[in-house]
């Protein structure tokens, strides 16, 4: 009887040991799966972050290009307006001068007299 009890106890210990092995190995397996999952998610996030950074850099470059084009266009238009303004001032001065000269012309004068 003692042998049976000892054998029963050993079998129970053995079963308990096997159960503990399964629990421990299951926990380790879950930890490994969790770690692999975290690594996969981290890589995926890094790829997405890199994609968004590239897209942001492209948008910044396009904005800088548009800004440069706008600046050049503004400067060109401003220089044209400056030249136009100078021409308009000369036209005004010439018109004023012509108006003053026409005031001195009398209908009695000949063309030669007017030219002098």
C-alpha atoms as a PDB file:
ATOM      1  CA  UNK A   1       0.000   0.000   0.000  1.00  0.00           C
ATOM      2  CA  UNK A   2       2.808   2.313   0.791  1.00  0.00           C
ATOM      3  CA  UNK A   3       4.178   1.584  -2.627  1.00  0.00           C
ATOM      4  CA  UNK A   4       0.890   2.494  -4.242  1.00  0.00           C
ATOM      5  CA  UNK A   5       0.677   5.732  -2.278  1.00  0.00           C
ATOM      6  CA  UNK A   6       4.282   6.580  -3.135  1.00  0.00           C
ATOM      7  CA  UNK A   7       3.645   5.737  -6.758  1.00  0.00           C
ATOM      8  CA  UNK A   8       0.424   7.837  -6.730  1.00  0.00           C
ATOM      9  CA  UNK A   9       2.311  10.739  -5.180  1.00  0.00           C
ATOM     10  CA  UNK A  10       5.059  10.476  -7.776  1.00  0.00           C
ATOM     11  CA  UNK A  11       2.504  10.366 -10.578  1.00  0.00           C
ATOM     12  CA  UNK A  12       0.782  13.439  -9.114  1.00  0.00           C
ATOM     13  CA  UNK A  13       4.129  15.215  -8.795  1.00  0.00           C
ATOM     14  CA  UNK A  14       4.967  14.290 -12.315  1.00  0.00           C
ATOM     15  CA  UNK A  15       1.637  15.565 -13.595  1.00  0.00           C
ATOM     16  CA  UNK A  16       2.049  18.745 -11.605  1.00  0.00           C
ATOM     17  CA  UNK A  17       5.553  19.207 -13.027  1.00  0.00           C
ATOM     18  CA  UNK A  18       4.239  18.695 -16.544  1.00  0.00           C
ATOM     19  CA  UNK A  19       1.445  21.187 -15.930  1.00  0.00           C
ATOM     20  CA  UNK A  20       3.935  23.723 -14.625  1.00  0.00           C
ATOM     21  CA  UNK A  21       6.135  23.154 -17.682  1.00  0.00           C
ATOM     22  CA  UNK A  22       3.164  23.786 -19.959  1.00  0.00           C
ATOM     23  CA  UNK A  23       2.186  26.971 -18.110  1.00  0.00           C
ATOM     24  CA  UNK A  24       5.741  28.280 -18.102  1.00  0.00           C
ATOM     25  CA  UNK A  25       6.329  27.415 -21.745  1.00  0.00           C
ATOM     26  CA  UNK A  26       2.962  28.943 -22.661  1.00  0.00           C
ATOM     27  CA  UNK A  27       3.916  32.122 -20.819  1.00  0.00           C
ATOM     28  CA  UNK A  28       7.288  32.227 -22.553  1.00  0.00           C
ATOM     29  CA  UNK A  29       5.583  31.602 -25.886  1.00  0.00           C
ATOM     30  CA  UNK A  30       3.129  34.396 -25.222  1.00  0.00           C
ATOM     31  CA  UNK A  31       5.984  36.701 -24.258  1.00  0.00           C
ATOM     32  CA  UNK A  32       7.862  35.840 -27.454  1.00  0.00           C
ATOM     33  CA  UNK A  33       4.730  36.377 -29.554  1.00  0.00           C
ATOM     34  CA  UNK A  34       4.123  39.683 -27.761  1.00  0.00           C
ATOM     35  CA  UNK A  35       7.714  40.791 -28.367  1.00  0.00           C
ATOM     36  CA  UNK A  36       7.566  39.823 -32.043  1.00  0.00           C
ATOM     37  CA  UNK A  37       4.250  41.647 -32.378  1.00  0.00           C
ATOM     38  CA  UNK A  38       5.747  44.762 -30.811  1.00  0.00           C
ATOM     39  CA  UNK A  39       8.749  44.607 -33.139  1.00  0.00           C
ATOM     40  CA  UNK A  40       6.436  44.248 -36.154  1.00  0.00           C
ATOM     41  CA  UNK A  41       4.319  47.211 -35.031  1.00  0.00           C
ATOM     42  CA  UNK A  42       7.431  49.309 -34.370  1.00  0.00           C
ATOM     43  CA  UNK A  43       8.794  48.565 -37.848  1.00  0.00           C
ATOM     44  CA  UNK A  44       5.454  49.372 -39.427  1.00  0.00           C
ATOM     45  CA  UNK A  45       5.315  52.679 -37.513  1.00  0.00           C
ATOM     46  CA  UNK A  46       8.886  53.523 -38.544  1.00  0.00           C
ATOM     47  CA  UNK A  47       8.036  52.892 -42.217  1.00  0.00           C
ATOM     48  CA  UNK A  48       4.920  55.056 -41.972  1.00  0.00           C
ATOM     49  CA  UNK A  49       6.877  57.788 -40.204  1.00  0.00           C
ATOM     50  CA  UNK A  50       9.553  57.710 -42.927  1.00  0.00           C
ATOM     51  CA  UNK A  51       6.848  57.922 -45.615  1.00  0.00           C
ATOM     52  CA  UNK A  52       5.229  60.930 -43.949  1.00  0.00           C
ATOM     53  CA  UNK A  53       8.604  62.627 -43.496  1.00  0.00           C
ATOM     54  CA  UNK A  54       9.365  62.159 -47.218  1.00  0.00           C
ATOM     55  CA  UNK A  55       5.941  63.533 -48.115  1.00  0.00           C
ATOM     56  CA  UNK A  56       6.470  66.505 -45.788  1.00  0.00           C
ATOM     57  CA  UNK A  57       9.862  67.251 -47.364  1.00  0.00           C
ATOM     58  CA  UNK A  58       8.308  67.095 -50.838  1.00  0.00           C
ATOM     59  CA  UNK A  59       5.565  69.509 -49.790  1.00  0.00           C
ATOM     60  CA  UNK A  60       8.126  71.863 -48.253  1.00  0.00           C
ATOM     61  CA  UNK A  61      10.158  71.794 -51.479  1.00  0.00           C
ATOM     62  CA  UNK A  62       7.046  72.549 -53.570  1.00  0.00           C
ATOM     63  CA  UNK A  63       6.118  75.407 -51.239  1.00  0.00           C
ATOM     64  CA  UNK A  64       9.633  76.860 -51.427  1.00  0.00           C
ATOM     65  CA  UNK A  65       9.522  76.605 -55.230  1.00  0.00           C
ATOM     66  CA  UNK A  66       6.151  78.360 -55.384  1.00  0.00           C
ATOM     67  CA  UNK A  67       7.416  81.035 -53.010  1.00  0.00           C
ATOM     68  CA  UNK A  68      10.478  81.604 -55.185  1.00  0.00           C
ATOM     69  CA  UNK A  69       8.359  81.812 -58.339  1.00  0.00           C
ATOM     70  CA  UNK A  70       5.963  84.248 -56.655  1.00  0.00           C
ATOM     71  CA  UNK A  71       8.873  86.376 -55.435  1.00  0.00           C
ATOM     72  CA  UNK A  72      10.483  86.468 -58.896  1.00  0.00           C
ATOM     73  CA  UNK A  73       7.154  87.311 -60.531  1.00  0.00           C
ATOM     74  CA  UNK A  74       6.547  90.122 -58.020  1.00  0.00           C
ATOM     75  CA  UNK A  75      10.036  91.550 -58.575  1.00  0.00           C
ATOM     76  CA  UNK A  76       9.629  91.378 -62.370  1.00  0.00           C
ATOM     77  CA  UNK A  77       6.214  93.064 -62.264  1.00  0.00           C
ATOM     78  CA  UNK A  78       7.556  95.736 -59.921  1.00  0.00           C
ATOM     79  CA  UNK A  79      10.469  96.493 -62.263  1.00  0.00           C
ATOM     80  CA  UNK A  80       8.029  96.734 -65.193  1.00  0.00           C
ATOM     81  CA  UNK A  81       5.844  99.151 -63.221  1.00  0.00           C
ATOM     82  CA  UNK A  82       8.924 101.195 -62.364  1.00  0.00           C
ATOM     83  CA  UNK A  83       9.909 101.467 -66.037  1.00  0.00           C
ATOM     84  CA  UNK A  84       6.309 102.238 -66.996  1.00  0.00           C
ATOM     85  CA  UNK A  85       6.116 104.949 -64.354  1.00  0.00           C
ATOM     86  CA  UNK A  86       9.287 106.586 -65.669  1.00  0.00           C
ATOM     87  CA  UNK A  87       7.869 106.514 -69.210  1.00  0.00           C
ATOM     88  CA  UNK A  88       4.597 108.021 -68.003  1.00  0.00           C
ATOM     89  CA  UNK A  89       6.462 110.827 -66.219  1.00  0.00           C
ATOM     90  CA  UNK A  90       8.401 111.582 -69.428  1.00  0.00           C
ATOM     91  CA  UNK A  91       5.127 111.560 -71.390  1.00  0.00           C
ATOM     92  CA  UNK A  92       3.532 113.925 -68.893  1.00  0.00           C
ATOM     93  CA  UNK A  93       6.521 116.269 -69.069  1.00  0.00           C
ATOM     94  CA  UNK A  94       6.509 116.180 -72.877  1.00  0.00           C
ATOM     95  CA  UNK A  95       2.748 116.812 -72.950  1.00  0.00           C
ATOM     96  CA  UNK A  96       3.108 119.714 -70.547  1.00  0.00           C
ATOM     97  CA  UNK A  97       5.947 121.171 -72.615  1.00  0.00           C
ATOM     98  CA  UNK A  98       3.934 120.747 -75.816  1.00  0.00           C
ATOM     99  CA  UNK A  99       0.916 122.418 -74.241  1.00  0.00           C
ATOM    100  CA  UNK A 100       3.011 125.388 -73.153  1.00  0.00           C
ATOM    101  CA  UNK A 101       4.489 125.762 -76.629  1.00  0.00           C
ATOM    102  CA  UNK A 102       1.107 125.577 -78.298  1.00  0.00           C
ATOM    103  CA  UNK A 103      -0.068 128.474 -76.173  1.00  0.00           C
ATOM    104  CA  UNK A 104       2.495 130.733 -77.860  1.00  0.00           C
ATOM    105  CA  UNK A 105       1.460 129.845 -81.396  1.00  0.00           C
ATOM    106  CA  UNK A 106      -0.755 132.417 -82.970  1.00  0.00           C
ATOM    107  CA  UNK A 107      -2.736 131.905 -86.096  1.00  0.00           C
ATOM    108  CA  UNK A 108      -0.969 134.826 -87.827  1.00  0.00           C
ATOM    109  CA  UNK A 109       2.419 133.117 -87.793  1.00  0.00           C
ATOM    110  CA  UNK A 110       3.790 131.244 -90.726  1.00  0.00           C
ATOM    111  CA  UNK A 111       5.197 127.736 -90.381  1.00  0.00           C
ATOM    112  CA  UNK A 112       8.742 129.066 -90.499  1.00  0.00           C
ATOM    113  CA  UNK A 113       8.033 131.520 -87.755  1.00  0.00           C
ATOM    114  CA  UNK A 114       6.510 128.792 -85.626  1.00  0.00           C
ATOM    115  CA  UNK A 115       9.510 126.521 -86.133  1.00  0.00           C
ATOM    116  CA  UNK A 116      11.840 129.276 -85.030  1.00  0.00           C
END
